[in-house]
Amino acid sequence: MKELIKQYETAKNKALQFMQKGQINNYFNALVEMNYYKKMITVSAN
C-alpha cells in the first residue's frame, strides 16, 4: 500500500513538472498514470 501511494505521488509530481514546462502529451500521460495508481489504492483499501 505504501509503495502505491509513493508511486502515485511520484506521478503527481511528474504531472506538475510537465504542466509547468508546457509538455501537454507527457502531462496527460502522467495524469493517466495517476488515475491508475489511484484506482489501485482504492481497490487495495477495500
Protein backbone atom coordinates (compact mmCIF):
# COMPACT_ATOMS: atom_id res chain seq x y z
CA MET A 1 0.00 0.00 0.00
CA LYS A 2 2.80 2.43 0.89
CA GLU A 3 4.50 1.66 -2.41
CA LEU A 4 1.33 2.51 -4.37
CA ILE A 5 0.99 5.82 -2.55
CA LYS A 6 4.64 6.60 -3.26
CA GLN A 7 4.18 5.82 -6.97
CA TYR A 8 1.03 7.98 -7.05
CA GLU A 9 2.90 10.91 -5.50
CA THR A 10 5.76 10.47 -7.98
CA ALA A 11 3.32 10.52 -10.90
CA LYS A 12 1.66 13.60 -9.43
CA ASN A 13 4.99 15.43 -9.22
CA LYS A 14 5.85 14.45 -12.79
CA ALA A 15 2.47 15.76 -13.96
CA LEU A 16 3.08 19.09 -12.26
CA GLN A 17 6.53 19.39 -13.81
CA PHE A 18 5.23 18.58 -17.29
CA MET A 19 2.40 21.09 -16.88
CA GLN A 20 4.84 23.84 -15.89
CA LYS A 21 7.08 23.04 -18.87
CA GLY A 22 4.11 23.02 -21.26
CA GLN A 23 4.59 19.40 -22.33
CA ILE A 24 0.92 18.58 -22.84
CA ASN A 25 1.24 14.98 -24.08
CA ASN A 26 3.54 13.99 -21.24
CA TYR A 27 1.24 15.78 -18.79
CA PHE A 28 -1.77 13.77 -19.94
CA ASN A 29 0.23 10.54 -19.77
CA ALA A 30 1.19 11.35 -16.19
CA LEU A 31 -2.48 12.03 -15.38
CA VAL A 32 -3.42 8.62 -16.76
CA GLU A 33 -0.69 7.06 -14.64
CA MET A 34 -2.01 8.92 -11.56
CA ASN A 35 -5.52 7.64 -12.28
CA TYR A 36 -4.22 4.05 -12.49
CA TYR A 37 -2.45 4.27 -9.13
CA LYS A 38 -5.45 5.95 -7.52
CA LYS A 39 -7.67 3.07 -8.65
CA MET A 40 -5.16 0.53 -7.36
CA ILE A 41 -5.04 2.27 -3.96
CA THR A 42 -8.83 2.26 -3.77
CA VAL A 43 -9.03 -1.43 -4.68
CA SER A 44 -6.36 -2.46 -2.19
CA ALA A 45 -8.01 -0.39 0.58
CA ASN A 46 -11.23 -2.36 0.20
